[in-house]
Amino acid sequence: MMTLEKTKKRGRPAQLLQVAELHAFVEYLLEKDPRTDLLLVKSMGKEYLQIF
């Protein structure tokens, strides 16, 4: 996973890549166990994933 410093250096395309990676990971988790409860939270321009 990219660090915040790398994201700042590379700019917006790196941020979009992080979001795409996160969404792909969410899809993987749901395919693995559809009963998994996931919560995607956006805070201060960042996305956080909580798994229950």
N, C-alpha and C. Protein backbone atom coordinates (compact mmCIF):
# COMPACT_ATOMS: atom_id res chain seq x y z
N MET A 1 0.84 -1.18 0.00
CA MET A 1 0.00 0.00 0.00
C MET A 1 0.89 1.25 0.00
N MET A 2 0.49 2.24 -0.73
CA MET A 2 1.31 3.44 -0.84
C MET A 2 1.21 4.29 0.42
N THR A 3 2.31 4.92 0.73
CA THR A 3 2.30 5.83 1.88
C THR A 3 1.80 7.19 1.44
N LEU A 4 1.48 8.02 2.42
CA LEU A 4 0.98 9.37 2.13
C LEU A 4 2.03 10.17 1.37
N GLU A 5 3.32 10.01 1.73
CA GLU A 5 4.38 10.75 1.04
C GLU A 5 4.42 10.39 -0.44
N LYS A 6 4.33 9.11 -0.76
CA LYS A 6 4.35 8.70 -2.16
C LYS A 6 3.14 9.26 -2.90
N THR A 7 2.00 9.28 -2.24
CA THR A 7 0.79 9.83 -2.86
C THR A 7 0.99 11.29 -3.17
N LYS A 8 1.59 12.04 -2.25
CA LYS A 8 1.82 13.47 -2.48
C LYS A 8 2.79 13.68 -3.64
N LYS A 9 3.83 12.85 -3.73
CA LYS A 9 4.82 13.00 -4.79
C LYS A 9 4.22 12.69 -6.15
N ARG A 10 3.39 11.68 -6.21
CA ARG A 10 2.85 11.24 -7.49
C ARG A 10 1.56 11.97 -7.87
N GLY A 11 0.91 12.57 -6.93
CA GLY A 11 -0.29 13.34 -7.24
C GLY A 11 -1.55 12.50 -7.37
N ARG A 12 -2.53 13.05 -8.01
CA ARG A 12 -3.86 12.47 -8.08
C ARG A 12 -3.91 11.05 -8.65
N PRO A 13 -3.16 10.69 -9.69
CA PRO A 13 -3.24 9.31 -10.19
C PRO A 13 -2.94 8.27 -9.12
N ALA A 14 -2.02 8.55 -8.22
CA ALA A 14 -1.71 7.61 -7.14
C ALA A 14 -2.90 7.48 -6.19
N GLN A 15 -3.58 8.58 -5.93
CA GLN A 15 -4.75 8.53 -5.06
C GLN A 15 -5.84 7.68 -5.70
N LEU A 16 -6.03 7.83 -7.01
CA LEU A 16 -7.03 7.03 -7.71
C LEU A 16 -6.67 5.56 -7.67
N LEU A 17 -5.38 5.25 -7.78
CA LEU A 17 -4.93 3.87 -7.70
C LEU A 17 -5.24 3.29 -6.32
N GLN A 18 -5.01 4.05 -5.26
CA GLN A 18 -5.31 3.57 -3.92
C GLN A 18 -6.80 3.26 -3.78
N VAL A 19 -7.65 4.12 -4.29
CA VAL A 19 -9.10 3.91 -4.21
C VAL A 19 -9.48 2.66 -4.99
N ALA A 20 -8.91 2.49 -6.17
CA ALA A 20 -9.20 1.31 -6.98
C ALA A 20 -8.75 0.03 -6.27
N GLU A 21 -7.57 0.08 -5.62
CA GLU A 21 -7.09 -1.08 -4.87
C GLU A 21 -8.01 -1.40 -3.71
N LEU A 22 -8.48 -0.38 -3.02
CA LEU A 22 -9.38 -0.58 -1.89
C LEU A 22 -10.69 -1.21 -2.36
N HIS A 23 -11.24 -0.71 -3.44
CA HIS A 23 -12.50 -1.25 -3.94
C HIS A 23 -12.33 -2.68 -4.43
N ALA A 24 -11.20 -3.00 -5.04
CA ALA A 24 -10.93 -4.37 -5.47
C ALA A 24 -10.82 -5.29 -4.25
N PHE A 25 -10.21 -4.82 -3.18
CA PHE A 25 -10.10 -5.61 -1.96
C PHE A 25 -11.47 -5.86 -1.35
N VAL A 26 -12.33 -4.86 -1.35
CA VAL A 26 -13.70 -5.01 -0.84
C VAL A 26 -14.44 -6.07 -1.66
N GLU A 27 -14.32 -6.01 -2.97
CA GLU A 27 -14.98 -7.01 -3.82
C GLU A 27 -14.46 -8.41 -3.51
N TYR A 28 -13.16 -8.55 -3.31
CA TYR A 28 -12.57 -9.84 -2.96
C TYR A 28 -13.15 -10.37 -1.65
N LEU A 29 -13.23 -9.52 -0.64
CA LEU A 29 -13.77 -9.95 0.65
C LEU A 29 -15.21 -10.39 0.53
N LEU A 30 -16.01 -9.66 -0.23
CA LEU A 30 -17.42 -10.01 -0.38
C LEU A 30 -17.59 -11.31 -1.16
N GLU A 31 -16.72 -11.57 -2.13
CA GLU A 31 -16.78 -12.83 -2.87
C GLU A 31 -16.40 -13.99 -1.95
N LYS A 32 -15.42 -13.76 -1.10
CA LYS A 32 -14.93 -14.80 -0.19
C LYS A 32 -15.99 -15.16 0.84
N ASP A 33 -16.65 -14.16 1.40
CA ASP A 33 -17.69 -14.38 2.40
C ASP A 33 -18.74 -13.28 2.27
N PRO A 34 -19.82 -13.55 1.52
CA PRO A 34 -20.85 -12.52 1.29
C PRO A 34 -21.51 -12.01 2.58
N ARG A 35 -21.36 -12.75 3.66
CA ARG A 35 -21.98 -12.33 4.93
C ARG A 35 -21.12 -11.33 5.69
N THR A 36 -19.93 -11.05 5.17
CA THR A 36 -19.04 -10.09 5.83
C THR A 36 -19.68 -8.71 5.84
N ASP A 37 -19.68 -8.08 6.99
CA ASP A 37 -20.18 -6.71 7.09
C ASP A 37 -19.01 -5.76 6.92
N LEU A 38 -19.11 -4.91 5.92
CA LEU A 38 -18.05 -3.96 5.63
C LEU A 38 -18.59 -2.55 5.75
N LEU A 39 -17.78 -1.67 6.25
CA LEU A 39 -18.14 -0.26 6.36
C LEU A 39 -17.00 0.56 5.79
N LEU A 40 -17.29 1.30 4.74
CA LEU A 40 -16.29 2.17 4.12
C LEU A 40 -16.56 3.59 4.59
N VAL A 41 -15.60 4.16 5.30
CA VAL A 41 -15.76 5.48 5.90
C VAL A 41 -14.81 6.45 5.22
N LYS A 42 -15.33 7.60 4.82
CA LYS A 42 -14.48 8.66 4.27
C LYS A 42 -14.33 9.73 5.33
N SER A 43 -13.08 10.07 5.62
CA SER A 43 -12.80 11.09 6.62
C SER A 43 -11.58 11.89 6.20
N MET A 44 -11.73 13.18 6.13
CA MET A 44 -10.63 14.08 5.81
C MET A 44 -9.91 13.66 4.53
N GLY A 45 -10.69 13.30 3.51
CA GLY A 45 -10.13 12.94 2.22
C GLY A 45 -9.53 11.55 2.13
N LYS A 46 -9.68 10.75 3.17
CA LYS A 46 -9.14 9.39 3.16
C LYS A 46 -10.30 8.41 3.33
N GLU A 47 -10.09 7.19 2.83
CA GLU A 47 -11.09 6.14 3.00
C GLU A 47 -10.54 5.09 3.96
N TYR A 48 -11.40 4.65 4.86
CA TYR A 48 -11.03 3.62 5.82
C TYR A 48 -12.03 2.49 5.70
N LEU A 49 -11.56 1.27 5.82
CA LEU A 49 -12.41 0.10 5.72
C LEU A 49 -12.48 -0.57 7.08
N GLN A 50 -13.70 -0.76 7.57
CA GLN A 50 -13.90 -1.49 8.81
C GLN A 50 -14.60 -2.80 8.47
N ILE A 51 -14.08 -3.90 9.00
CA ILE A 51 -14.62 -5.23 8.74
C ILE A 51 -15.15 -5.79 10.05
N PHE A 52 -16.39 -6.25 10.01
CA PHE A 52 -17.03 -6.79 11.22
C PHE A 52 -17.22 -8.28 11.08
